């Protein structure tokens, strides 16, 4: 899995985009992955983003 942010930091109230690339090669069926986003927010310093997909063999 590869991740990339559109920039390194944000001020309070700003928003951004996190792009995640998942290599499905050699995988089949239901897949579920998590990405941890760490911040200096004292109330929520670690946010877990979960994504899932169903990989269908094209043969």
PDB file of N, CA and C in Angstrom:
ATOM      1  N   UNK A   1       0.848  -1.155   0.000  1.00  0.00           N
ATOM      2  CA  UNK A   1       0.000   0.000   0.000  1.00  0.00           C
ATOM      3  C   UNK A   1       0.898   1.222   0.000  1.00  0.00           C
ATOM      4  N   UNK A   2       0.486   2.238  -0.710  1.00  0.00           N
ATOM      5  CA  UNK A   2       1.248   3.473  -0.804  1.00  0.00           C
ATOM      6  C   UNK A   2       0.322   4.634  -0.490  1.00  0.00           C
ATOM      7  N   UNK A   3       0.835   5.593   0.222  1.00  0.00           N
ATOM      8  CA  UNK A   3       0.016   6.761   0.546  1.00  0.00           C
ATOM      9  C   UNK A   3       0.788   8.026   0.207  1.00  0.00           C
ATOM     10  N   UNK A   4       0.044   9.095  -0.026  1.00  0.00           N
ATOM     11  CA  UNK A   4       0.662  10.375  -0.328  1.00  0.00           C
ATOM     12  C   UNK A   4      -0.319  11.488   0.020  1.00  0.00           C
ATOM     13  N   UNK A   5       0.199  12.524   0.601  1.00  0.00           N
ATOM     14  CA  UNK A   5      -0.630  13.690   0.946  1.00  0.00           C
ATOM     15  C   UNK A   5      -0.298  14.820  -0.020  1.00  0.00           C
ATOM     16  N   UNK A   6      -1.264  15.722  -0.207  1.00  0.00           N
ATOM     17  CA  UNK A   6      -1.017  16.810  -1.141  1.00  0.00           C
ATOM     18  C   UNK A   6      -0.079  17.873  -0.576  1.00  0.00           C
ATOM     19  N   UNK A   7       0.185  17.861   0.736  1.00  0.00           N
ATOM     20  CA  UNK A   7       1.198  18.727   1.347  1.00  0.00           C
ATOM     21  C   UNK A   7       1.501  18.233   2.750  1.00  0.00           C
ATOM     22  N   UNK A   8       2.518  18.777   3.376  1.00  0.00           N
ATOM     23  CA  UNK A   8       3.011  18.244   4.641  1.00  0.00           C
ATOM     24  C   UNK A   8       2.267  18.658   5.888  1.00  0.00           C
ATOM     25  N   UNK A   9       1.599  19.804   5.895  1.00  0.00           N
ATOM     26  CA  UNK A   9       0.935  20.242   7.113  1.00  0.00           C
ATOM     27  C   UNK A   9      -0.265  21.124   6.826  1.00  0.00           C
ATOM     28  N   UNK A  10      -1.116  21.243   7.839  1.00  0.00           N
ATOM     29  CA  UNK A  10      -2.352  22.015   7.695  1.00  0.00           C
ATOM     30  C   UNK A  10      -2.585  22.839   8.944  1.00  0.00           C
ATOM     31  N   UNK A  11      -3.149  24.012   8.757  1.00  0.00           N
ATOM     32  CA  UNK A  11      -3.566  24.837   9.884  1.00  0.00           C
ATOM     33  C   UNK A  11      -4.942  24.388  10.344  1.00  0.00           C
ATOM     34  N   UNK A  12      -5.296  24.775  11.561  1.00  0.00           N
ATOM     35  CA  UNK A  12      -6.604  24.414  12.105  1.00  0.00           C
ATOM     36  C   UNK A  12      -7.712  24.861  11.157  1.00  0.00           C
ATOM     37  N   UNK A  13      -8.642  23.948  10.879  1.00  0.00           N
ATOM     38  CA  UNK A  13      -9.774  24.248  10.013  1.00  0.00           C
ATOM     39  C   UNK A  13      -9.531  23.980   8.535  1.00  0.00           C
ATOM     40  N   UNK A  14      -8.292  23.781   8.143  1.00  0.00           N
ATOM     41  CA  UNK A  14      -7.999  23.475   6.743  1.00  0.00           C
ATOM     42  C   UNK A  14      -8.311  22.013   6.449  1.00  0.00           C
ATOM     43  N   UNK A  15      -8.544  21.716   5.196  1.00  0.00           N
ATOM     44  CA  UNK A  15      -8.776  20.329   4.798  1.00  0.00           C
ATOM     45  C   UNK A  15      -7.826  19.972   3.660  1.00  0.00           C
ATOM     46  N   UNK A  16      -7.717  18.697   3.409  1.00  0.00           N
ATOM     47  CA  UNK A  16      -6.831  18.225   2.353  1.00  0.00           C
ATOM     48  C   UNK A  16      -7.285  16.879   1.852  1.00  0.00           C
ATOM     49  N   UNK A  17      -6.439  16.256   1.089  1.00  0.00           N
ATOM     50  CA  UNK A  17      -6.768  14.981   0.462  1.00  0.00           C
ATOM     51  C   UNK A  17      -5.647  13.991   0.727  1.00  0.00           C
ATOM     52  N   UNK A  18      -6.021  12.768   1.050  1.00  0.00           N
ATOM     53  CA  UNK A  18      -5.068  11.679   1.211  1.00  0.00           C
ATOM     54  C   UNK A  18      -5.349  10.683   0.097  1.00  0.00           C
ATOM     55  N   UNK A  19      -4.347  10.426  -0.725  1.00  0.00           N
ATOM     56  CA  UNK A  19      -4.499   9.464  -1.819  1.00  0.00           C
ATOM     57  C   UNK A  19      -3.844   8.159  -1.399  1.00  0.00           C
ATOM     58  N   UNK A  20      -4.560   7.067  -1.583  1.00  0.00           N
ATOM     59  CA  UNK A  20      -4.068   5.744  -1.208  1.00  0.00           C
ATOM     60  C   UNK A  20      -4.095   4.860  -2.451  1.00  0.00           C
ATOM     61  N   UNK A  21      -2.984   4.204  -2.726  1.00  0.00           N
ATOM     62  CA  UNK A  21      -2.897   3.253  -3.828  1.00  0.00           C
ATOM     63  C   UNK A  21      -2.690   1.869  -3.242  1.00  0.00           C
ATOM     64  N   UNK A  22      -3.507   0.916  -3.656  1.00  0.00           N
ATOM     65  CA  UNK A  22      -3.451  -0.446  -3.140  1.00  0.00           C
ATOM     66  C   UNK A  22      -3.177  -1.391  -4.302  1.00  0.00           C
ATOM     67  N   UNK A  23      -2.066  -2.113  -4.248  1.00  0.00           N
ATOM     68  CA  UNK A  23      -1.699  -3.067  -5.291  1.00  0.00           C
ATOM     69  C   UNK A  23      -2.478  -4.359  -5.065  1.00  0.00           C
ATOM     70  N   UNK A  24      -3.357  -4.693  -5.988  1.00  0.00           N
ATOM     71  CA  UNK A  24      -4.210  -5.876  -5.846  1.00  0.00           C
ATOM     72  C   UNK A  24      -3.585  -7.139  -6.433  1.00  0.00           C
ATOM     73  N   UNK A  25      -2.408  -7.026  -6.999  1.00  0.00           N
ATOM     74  CA  UNK A  25      -1.755  -8.182  -7.628  1.00  0.00           C
ATOM     75  C   UNK A  25      -1.598  -9.327  -6.631  1.00  0.00           C
ATOM     76  N   UNK A  26      -2.048 -10.515  -7.033  1.00  0.00           N
ATOM     77  CA  UNK A  26      -1.931 -11.698  -6.192  1.00  0.00           C
ATOM     78  C   UNK A  26      -2.984 -11.803  -5.102  1.00  0.00           C
ATOM     79  N   UNK A  27      -3.965 -10.927  -5.118  1.00  0.00           N
ATOM     80  CA  UNK A  27      -5.019 -10.957  -4.101  1.00  0.00           C
ATOM     81  C   UNK A  27      -6.362 -11.230  -4.762  1.00  0.00           C
ATOM     82  N   UNK A  28      -7.234 -11.888  -4.023  1.00  0.00           N
ATOM     83  CA  UNK A  28      -8.598 -12.147  -4.489  1.00  0.00           C
ATOM     84  C   UNK A  28      -9.548 -12.012  -3.319  1.00  0.00           C
ATOM     85  N   UNK A  29     -10.820 -11.800  -3.635  1.00  0.00           N
ATOM     86  CA  UNK A  29     -11.847 -11.752  -2.601  1.00  0.00           C
ATOM     87  C   UNK A  29     -11.881 -10.437  -1.849  1.00  0.00           C
ATOM     88  N   UNK A  30     -12.522 -10.481  -0.702  1.00  0.00           N
ATOM     89  CA  UNK A  30     -12.711  -9.284   0.110  1.00  0.00           C
ATOM     90  C   UNK A  30     -11.398  -8.896   0.786  1.00  0.00           C
ATOM     91  N   UNK A  31     -11.041  -7.641   0.675  1.00  0.00           N
ATOM     92  CA  UNK A  31      -9.830  -7.111   1.293  1.00  0.00           C
ATOM     93  C   UNK A  31     -10.219  -5.908   2.143  1.00  0.00           C
ATOM     94  N   UNK A  32      -9.593  -5.776   3.289  1.00  0.00           N
ATOM     95  CA  UNK A  32      -9.832  -4.628   4.163  1.00  0.00           C
ATOM     96  C   UNK A  32      -8.489  -4.134   4.672  1.00  0.00           C
ATOM     97  N   UNK A  33      -8.248  -2.854   4.538  1.00  0.00           N
ATOM     98  CA  UNK A  33      -6.979  -2.253   4.944  1.00  0.00           C
ATOM     99  C   UNK A  33      -7.251  -1.017   5.783  1.00  0.00           C
ATOM    100  N   UNK A  34      -6.259  -0.657   6.593  1.00  0.00           N
ATOM    101  CA  UNK A  34      -6.376   0.524   7.438  1.00  0.00           C
ATOM    102  C   UNK A  34      -5.193   1.449   7.202  1.00  0.00           C
ATOM    103  N   UNK A  35      -5.460   2.739   7.319  1.00  0.00           N
ATOM    104  CA  UNK A  35      -4.436   3.770   7.246  1.00  0.00           C
ATOM    105  C   UNK A  35      -4.562   4.598   8.516  1.00  0.00           C
ATOM    106  N   UNK A  36      -3.444   4.819   9.198  1.00  0.00           N
ATOM    107  CA  UNK A  36      -3.440   5.646  10.402  1.00  0.00           C
ATOM    108  C   UNK A  36      -2.976   7.050  10.030  1.00  0.00           C
ATOM    109  N   UNK A  37      -3.734   8.046  10.446  1.00  0.00           N
ATOM    110  CA  UNK A  37      -3.381   9.441  10.226  1.00  0.00           C
ATOM    111  C   UNK A  37      -3.049  10.031  11.590  1.00  0.00           C
ATOM    112  N   UNK A  38      -1.821  10.503  11.741  1.00  0.00           N
ATOM    113  CA  UNK A  38      -1.365  11.060  13.009  1.00  0.00           C
ATOM    114  C   UNK A  38      -1.354  12.579  12.931  1.00  0.00           C
ATOM    115  N   UNK A  39      -1.748  13.225  14.032  1.00  0.00           N
ATOM    116  CA  UNK A  39      -1.775  14.685  14.059  1.00  0.00           C
ATOM    117  C   UNK A  39      -1.402  15.184  15.451  1.00  0.00           C
ATOM    118  N   UNK A  40      -1.309  16.499  15.568  1.00  0.00           N
ATOM    119  CA  UNK A  40      -1.032  17.095  16.874  1.00  0.00           C
ATOM    120  C   UNK A  40      -2.321  17.495  17.596  1.00  0.00           C
ATOM    121  N   UNK A  41      -3.457  17.020  17.130  1.00  0.00           N
ATOM    122  CA  UNK A  41      -4.745  17.260  17.782  1.00  0.00           C
ATOM    123  C   UNK A  41      -4.760  16.480  19.096  1.00  0.00           C
ATOM    124  N   UNK A  42      -4.835  17.172  20.216  1.00  0.00           N
ATOM    125  CA  UNK A  42      -4.772  16.496  21.516  1.00  0.00           C
ATOM    126  C   UNK A  42      -5.997  15.627  21.784  1.00  0.00           C
ATOM    127  N   UNK A  43      -7.140  15.950  21.188  1.00  0.00           N
ATOM    128  CA  UNK A  43      -8.348  15.145  21.384  1.00  0.00           C
ATOM    129  C   UNK A  43      -8.370  13.904  20.487  1.00  0.00           C
ATOM    130  N   UNK A  44      -7.820  14.008  19.294  1.00  0.00           N
ATOM    131  CA  UNK A  44      -7.813  12.899  18.323  1.00  0.00           C
ATOM    132  C   UNK A  44      -6.454  12.816  17.618  1.00  0.00           C
ATOM    133  N   UNK A  45      -5.418  12.394  18.324  1.00  0.00           N
ATOM    134  CA  UNK A  45      -4.085  12.385  17.702  1.00  0.00           C
ATOM    135  C   UNK A  45      -3.891  11.295  16.649  1.00  0.00           C
ATOM    136  N   UNK A  46      -4.718  10.261  16.655  1.00  0.00           N
ATOM    137  CA  UNK A  46      -4.581   9.151  15.706  1.00  0.00           C
ATOM    138  C   UNK A  46      -5.958   8.801  15.163  1.00  0.00           C
ATOM    139  N   UNK A  47      -6.141   9.008  13.880  1.00  0.00           N
ATOM    140  CA  UNK A  47      -7.412   8.679  13.235  1.00  0.00           C
ATOM    141  C   UNK A  47      -7.182   7.493  12.310  1.00  0.00           C
ATOM    142  N   UNK A  48      -8.020   6.474  12.416  1.00  0.00           N
ATOM    143  CA  UNK A  48      -7.892   5.282  11.585  1.00  0.00           C
ATOM    144  C   UNK A  48      -8.914   5.354  10.454  1.00  0.00           C
ATOM    145  N   UNK A  49      -8.419   5.284   9.228  1.00  0.00           N
ATOM    146  CA  UNK A  49      -9.282   5.233   8.051  1.00  0.00           C
ATOM    147  C   UNK A  49      -9.283   3.797   7.550  1.00  0.00           C
ATOM    148  N   UNK A  50     -10.451   3.219   7.375  1.00  0.00           N
ATOM    149  CA  UNK A  50     -10.571   1.842   6.911  1.00  0.00           C
ATOM    150  C   UNK A  50     -11.216   1.834   5.534  1.00  0.00           C
ATOM    151  N   UNK A  51     -10.624   1.097   4.618  1.00  0.00           N
ATOM    152  CA  UNK A  51     -11.261   0.930   3.313  1.00  0.00           C
ATOM    153  C   UNK A  51     -11.312  -0.548   2.974  1.00  0.00           C
ATOM    154  N   UNK A  52     -12.284  -0.904   2.158  1.00  0.00           N
ATOM    155  CA  UNK A  52     -12.431  -2.305   1.766  1.00  0.00           C
ATOM    156  C   UNK A  52     -12.803  -2.381   0.294  1.00  0.00           C
ATOM    157  N   UNK A  53     -12.521  -3.545  -0.284  1.00  0.00           N
ATOM    158  CA  UNK A  53     -12.871  -3.784  -1.680  1.00  0.00           C
ATOM    159  C   UNK A  53     -13.030  -5.282  -1.898  1.00  0.00           C
ATOM    160  N   UNK A  54     -13.692  -5.632  -2.974  1.00  0.00           N
ATOM    161  CA  UNK A  54     -13.830  -7.023  -3.384  1.00  0.00           C
ATOM    162  C   UNK A  54     -13.111  -7.179  -4.713  1.00  0.00           C
ATOM    163  N   UNK A  55     -12.080  -8.012  -4.726  1.00  0.00           N
ATOM    164  CA  UNK A  55     -11.272  -8.216  -5.920  1.00  0.00           C
ATOM    165  C   UNK A  55     -11.793  -9.454  -6.641  1.00  0.00           C
ATOM    166  N   UNK A  56     -12.173  -9.254  -7.895  1.00  0.00           N
ATOM    167  CA  UNK A  56     -12.737 -10.330  -8.701  1.00  0.00           C
ATOM    168  C   UNK A  56     -11.696 -10.737  -9.735  1.00  0.00           C
ATOM    169  N   UNK A  57     -11.433 -12.027  -9.831  1.00  0.00           N
ATOM    170  CA  UNK A  57     -10.503 -12.550 -10.820  1.00  0.00           C
ATOM    171  C   UNK A  57     -11.109 -12.375 -12.202  1.00  0.00           C
ATOM    172  N   UNK A  58     -10.387 -11.727 -13.095  1.00  0.00           N
ATOM    173  CA  UNK A  58     -10.904 -11.429 -14.425  1.00  0.00           C
ATOM    174  C   UNK A  58     -10.822 -12.570 -15.415  1.00  0.00           C
ATOM    175  N   UNK A  59     -10.312 -13.723 -15.022  1.00  0.00           N
ATOM    176  CA  UNK A  59     -10.167 -14.837 -15.967  1.00  0.00           C
ATOM    177  C   UNK A  59     -11.472 -15.583 -16.171  1.00  0.00           C
TER     178      UNK A  59
END
